[in-house]
Amino acid sequence: MDPQAEPLSYICGDCGMENTLKPRDVIQCHECGYCILYKKYTCRIVQYEAR
């Protein structure tokens, strides 16, 4: 595991607040405690090769 891993942003499924989590953090909203978080969509173009 990379010791300098960047935290990722997630959106709470209940209150909609943005949460920033590091790889070893508990998956839980910091505001309401809800345990379902959604990953934010990326703005960069992602293309996969079909096989």
PDB file of N, CA and C in Angstrom:
ATOM      1  N   MET A   1       0.841  -1.174   0.000  1.00  0.00           N
ATOM      2  CA  MET A   1       0.000   0.000   0.000  1.00  0.00           C
ATOM      3  C   MET A   1       0.887   1.237   0.000  1.00  0.00           C
ATOM      4  N   ASP A   2       0.497   2.220  -0.757  1.00  0.00           N
ATOM      5  CA  ASP A   2       1.255   3.456  -0.892  1.00  0.00           C
ATOM      6  C   ASP A   2       1.073   4.317   0.361  1.00  0.00           C
ATOM      7  N   PRO A   3       2.152   4.680   1.057  1.00  0.00           N
ATOM      8  CA  PRO A   3       2.004   5.477   2.277  1.00  0.00           C
ATOM      9  C   PRO A   3       1.511   6.888   1.999  1.00  0.00           C
ATOM     10  N   GLN A   4       1.596   7.371   0.762  1.00  0.00           N
ATOM     11  CA  GLN A   4       1.181   8.718   0.418  1.00  0.00           C
ATOM     12  C   GLN A   4      -0.107   8.710  -0.408  1.00  0.00           C
ATOM     13  N   ALA A   5      -0.975   7.738  -0.177  1.00  0.00           N
ATOM     14  CA  ALA A   5      -2.218   7.619  -0.941  1.00  0.00           C
ATOM     15  C   ALA A   5      -3.105   8.841  -0.705  1.00  0.00           C
ATOM     16  N   GLU A   6      -3.684   9.346  -1.799  1.00  0.00           N
ATOM     17  CA  GLU A   6      -4.547  10.518  -1.709  1.00  0.00           C
ATOM     18  C   GLU A   6      -5.920  10.139  -1.178  1.00  0.00           C
ATOM     19  N   PRO A   7      -6.517  11.002  -0.370  1.00  0.00           N
ATOM     20  CA  PRO A   7      -7.894  10.744   0.064  1.00  0.00           C
ATOM     21  C   PRO A   7      -8.859  10.933  -1.104  1.00  0.00           C
ATOM     22  N   LEU A   8      -9.958  10.163  -1.113  1.00  0.00           N
ATOM     23  CA  LEU A   8     -10.950  10.243  -2.165  1.00  0.00           C
ATOM     24  C   LEU A   8     -12.223  10.890  -1.634  1.00  0.00           C
ATOM     25  N   SER A   9     -12.958  11.542  -2.523  1.00  0.00           N
ATOM     26  CA  SER A   9     -14.207  12.185  -2.139  1.00  0.00           C
ATOM     27  C   SER A   9     -15.382  11.271  -2.410  1.00  0.00           C
ATOM     28  N   TYR A  10     -16.283  11.193  -1.454  1.00  0.00           N
ATOM     29  CA  TYR A  10     -17.494  10.393  -1.558  1.00  0.00           C
ATOM     30  C   TYR A  10     -18.684  11.257  -1.162  1.00  0.00           C
ATOM     31  N   ILE A  11     -19.874  10.884  -1.650  1.00  0.00           N
ATOM     32  CA  ILE A  11     -21.100  11.603  -1.317  1.00  0.00           C
ATOM     33  C   ILE A  11     -21.988  10.684  -0.495  1.00  0.00           C
ATOM     34  N   CYS A  12     -22.519  11.198   0.607  1.00  0.00           N
ATOM     35  CA  CYS A  12     -23.383  10.419   1.490  1.00  0.00           C
ATOM     36  C   CYS A  12     -24.704  10.116   0.786  1.00  0.00           C
ATOM     37  N   GLY A  13     -25.181   8.879   0.943  1.00  0.00           N
ATOM     38  CA  GLY A  13     -26.434   8.465   0.329  1.00  0.00           C
ATOM     39  C   GLY A  13     -27.660   8.992   1.064  1.00  0.00           C
ATOM     40  N   ASP A  14     -27.507   9.518   2.265  1.00  0.00           N
ATOM     41  CA  ASP A  14     -28.634  10.001   3.053  1.00  0.00           C
ATOM     42  C   ASP A  14     -28.719  11.521   3.047  1.00  0.00           C
ATOM     43  N   CYS A  15     -27.674  12.197   3.516  1.00  0.00           N
ATOM     44  CA  CYS A  15     -27.723  13.658   3.648  1.00  0.00           C
ATOM     45  C   CYS A  15     -27.104  14.399   2.464  1.00  0.00           C
ATOM     46  N   GLY A  16     -26.324  13.701   1.626  1.00  0.00           N
ATOM     47  CA  GLY A  16     -25.743  14.328   0.436  1.00  0.00           C
ATOM     48  C   GLY A  16     -24.467  15.116   0.682  1.00  0.00           C
ATOM     49  N   MET A  17     -23.940  15.064   1.890  1.00  0.00           N
ATOM     50  CA  MET A  17     -22.703  15.793   2.200  1.00  0.00           C
ATOM     51  C   MET A  17     -21.505  15.115   1.548  1.00  0.00           C
ATOM     52  N   GLU A  18     -20.505  15.902   1.197  1.00  0.00           N
ATOM     53  CA  GLU A  18     -19.279  15.363   0.615  1.00  0.00           C
ATOM     54  C   GLU A  18     -18.329  14.981   1.742  1.00  0.00           C
ATOM     55  N   ASN A  19     -17.792  13.766   1.662  1.00  0.00           N
ATOM     56  CA  ASN A  19     -16.865  13.253   2.666  1.00  0.00           C
ATOM     57  C   ASN A  19     -15.553  12.894   1.985  1.00  0.00           C
ATOM     58  N   THR A  20     -14.453  13.190   2.631  1.00  0.00           N
ATOM     59  CA  THR A  20     -13.134  12.824   2.128  1.00  0.00           C
ATOM     60  C   THR A  20     -12.590  11.723   3.025  1.00  0.00           C
ATOM     61  N   LEU A  21     -12.321  10.562   2.415  1.00  0.00           N
ATOM     62  CA  LEU A  21     -11.849   9.415   3.179  1.00  0.00           C
ATOM     63  C   LEU A  21     -10.486   8.953   2.689  1.00  0.00           C
ATOM     64  N   LYS A  22      -9.658   8.550   3.622  1.00  0.00           N
ATOM     65  CA  LYS A  22      -8.367   7.944   3.315  1.00  0.00           C
ATOM     66  C   LYS A  22      -8.573   6.433   3.207  1.00  0.00           C
ATOM     67  N   PRO A  23      -7.609   5.685   2.647  1.00  0.00           N
ATOM     68  CA  PRO A  23      -7.804   4.238   2.440  1.00  0.00           C
ATOM     69  C   PRO A  23      -8.167   3.440   3.685  1.00  0.00           C
ATOM     70  N   ARG A  24      -7.708   3.777   4.858  1.00  0.00           N
ATOM     71  CA  ARG A  24      -7.984   2.991   6.065  1.00  0.00           C
ATOM     72  C   ARG A  24      -9.086   3.583   6.945  1.00  0.00           C
ATOM     73  N   ASP A  25      -9.781   4.650   6.497  1.00  0.00           N
ATOM     74  CA  ASP A  25     -10.847   5.266   7.285  1.00  0.00           C
ATOM     75  C   ASP A  25     -12.095   4.385   7.301  1.00  0.00           C
ATOM     76  N   VAL A  26     -12.934   4.589   8.312  1.00  0.00           N
ATOM     77  CA  VAL A  26     -14.205   3.894   8.421  1.00  0.00           C
ATOM     78  C   VAL A  26     -15.149   4.470   7.362  1.00  0.00           C
ATOM     79  N   ILE A  27     -15.864   3.598   6.662  1.00  0.00           N
ATOM     80  CA  ILE A  27     -16.794   4.051   5.628  1.00  0.00           C
ATOM     81  C   ILE A  27     -18.078   4.478   6.321  1.00  0.00           C
ATOM     82  N   GLN A  28     -18.133   5.771   6.643  1.00  0.00           N
ATOM     83  CA  GLN A  28     -19.264   6.328   7.356  1.00  0.00           C
ATOM     84  C   GLN A  28     -19.269   7.836   7.143  1.00  0.00           C
ATOM     85  N   CYS A  29     -20.459   8.415   6.991  1.00  0.00           N
ATOM     86  CA  CYS A  29     -20.593   9.859   6.810  1.00  0.00           C
ATOM     87  C   CYS A  29     -20.161  10.578   8.084  1.00  0.00           C
ATOM     88  N   HIS A  30     -19.422  11.662   7.928  1.00  0.00           N
ATOM     89  CA  HIS A  30     -18.947  12.420   9.086  1.00  0.00           C
ATOM     90  C   HIS A  30     -20.070  13.256   9.708  1.00  0.00           C
ATOM     91  N   GLU A  31     -21.107  13.584   8.926  1.00  0.00           N
ATOM     92  CA  GLU A  31     -22.214  14.409   9.413  1.00  0.00           C
ATOM     93  C   GLU A  31     -23.294  13.591  10.108  1.00  0.00           C
ATOM     94  N   CYS A  32     -23.856  12.587   9.385  1.00  0.00           N
ATOM     95  CA  CYS A  32     -25.030  11.877   9.910  1.00  0.00           C
ATOM     96  C   CYS A  32     -24.744  10.434  10.337  1.00  0.00           C
ATOM     97  N   GLY A  33     -23.573   9.886   9.981  1.00  0.00           N
ATOM     98  CA  GLY A  33     -23.226   8.537  10.385  1.00  0.00           C
ATOM     99  C   GLY A  33     -23.734   7.442   9.455  1.00  0.00           C
ATOM    100  N   TYR A  34     -24.349   7.831   8.333  1.00  0.00           N
ATOM    101  CA  TYR A  34     -24.874   6.861   7.368  1.00  0.00           C
ATOM    102  C   TYR A  34     -23.721   6.083   6.756  1.00  0.00           C
ATOM    103  N   CYS A  35     -23.913   4.795   6.487  1.00  0.00           N
ATOM    104  CA  CYS A  35     -22.818   3.929   6.039  1.00  0.00           C
ATOM    105  C   CYS A  35     -22.790   3.670   4.531  1.00  0.00           C
ATOM    106  N   ILE A  36     -23.666   4.302   3.757  1.00  0.00           N
ATOM    107  CA  ILE A  36     -23.640   4.119   2.298  1.00  0.00           C
ATOM    108  C   ILE A  36     -23.119   5.397   1.669  1.00  0.00           C
ATOM    109  N   LEU A  37     -21.941   5.303   1.066  1.00  0.00           N
ATOM    110  CA  LEU A  37     -21.314   6.445   0.411  1.00  0.00           C
ATOM    111  C   LEU A  37     -21.106   6.120  -1.057  1.00  0.00           C
ATOM    112  N   TYR A  38     -21.282   7.115  -1.912  1.00  0.00           N
ATOM    113  CA  TYR A  38     -21.128   6.947  -3.356  1.00  0.00           C
ATOM    114  C   TYR A  38     -19.894   7.695  -3.827  1.00  0.00           C
ATOM    115  N   LYS A  39     -19.134   7.063  -4.713  1.00  0.00           N
ATOM    116  CA  LYS A  39     -17.947   7.677  -5.278  1.00  0.00           C
ATOM    117  C   LYS A  39     -18.355   8.777  -6.240  1.00  0.00           C
ATOM    118  N   LYS A  40     -17.644   9.899  -6.202  1.00  0.00           N
ATOM    119  CA  LYS A  40     -17.931  10.980  -7.133  1.00  0.00           C
ATOM    120  C   LYS A  40     -17.469  10.588  -8.534  1.00  0.00           C
ATOM    121  N   TYR A  41     -18.175  11.052  -9.529  1.00  0.00           N
ATOM    122  CA  TYR A  41     -17.789  10.797 -10.910  1.00  0.00           C
ATOM    123  C   TYR A  41     -16.564  11.612 -11.274  1.00  0.00           C
ATOM    124  N   THR A  42     -15.748  11.076 -12.165  1.00  0.00           N
ATOM    125  CA  THR A  42     -14.548  11.756 -12.606  1.00  0.00           C
ATOM    126  C   THR A  42     -14.861  12.652 -13.801  1.00  0.00           C
ATOM    127  N   CYS A  43     -14.107  13.715 -13.971  1.00  0.00           N
ATOM    128  CA  CYS A  43     -14.298  14.622 -15.103  1.00  0.00           C
ATOM    129  C   CYS A  43     -13.438  14.221 -16.295  1.00  0.00           C
ATOM    130  N   ARG A  44     -12.450  13.355 -16.075  1.00  0.00           N
ATOM    131  CA  ARG A  44     -11.574  12.956 -17.173  1.00  0.00           C
ATOM    132  C   ARG A  44     -12.246  11.875 -18.017  1.00  0.00           C
ATOM    133  N   ILE A  45     -11.842  11.792 -19.257  1.00  0.00           N
ATOM    134  CA  ILE A  45     -12.409  10.820 -20.172  1.00  0.00           C
ATOM    135  C   ILE A  45     -11.758   9.460 -19.925  1.00  0.00           C
ATOM    136  N   VAL A  46     -12.591   8.446 -19.749  1.00  0.00           N
ATOM    137  CA  VAL A  46     -12.118   7.083 -19.522  1.00  0.00           C
ATOM    138  C   VAL A  46     -12.641   6.221 -20.651  1.00  0.00           C
ATOM    139  N   GLN A  47     -11.725   5.510 -21.336  1.00  0.00           N
ATOM    140  CA  GLN A  47     -12.129   4.672 -22.459  1.00  0.00           C
ATOM    141  C   GLN A  47     -11.479   3.311 -22.289  1.00  0.00           C
ATOM    142  N   TYR A  48     -12.287   2.265 -22.453  1.00  0.00           N
ATOM    143  CA  TYR A  48     -11.800   0.899 -22.331  1.00  0.00           C
ATOM    144  C   TYR A  48     -11.867   0.213 -23.683  1.00  0.00           C
ATOM    145  N   GLU A  49     -10.929  -0.691 -23.951  1.00  0.00           N
ATOM    146  CA  GLU A  49     -10.905  -1.432 -25.198  1.00  0.00           C
ATOM    147  C   GLU A  49     -11.750  -2.688 -25.077  1.00  0.00           C
ATOM    148  N   ALA A  50     -12.703  -2.861 -26.006  1.00  0.00           N
ATOM    149  CA  ALA A  50     -13.547  -4.054 -26.007  1.00  0.00           C
ATOM    150  C   ALA A  50     -12.775  -5.208 -26.616  1.00  0.00           C
ATOM    151  N   ARG A  51     -12.910  -6.377 -26.047  1.00  0.00           N
ATOM    152  CA  ARG A  51     -12.201  -7.556 -26.564  1.00  0.00           C
ATOM    153  C   ARG A  51     -13.156  -8.605 -27.006  1.00  0.00           C
TER     154      ARG A  51
END
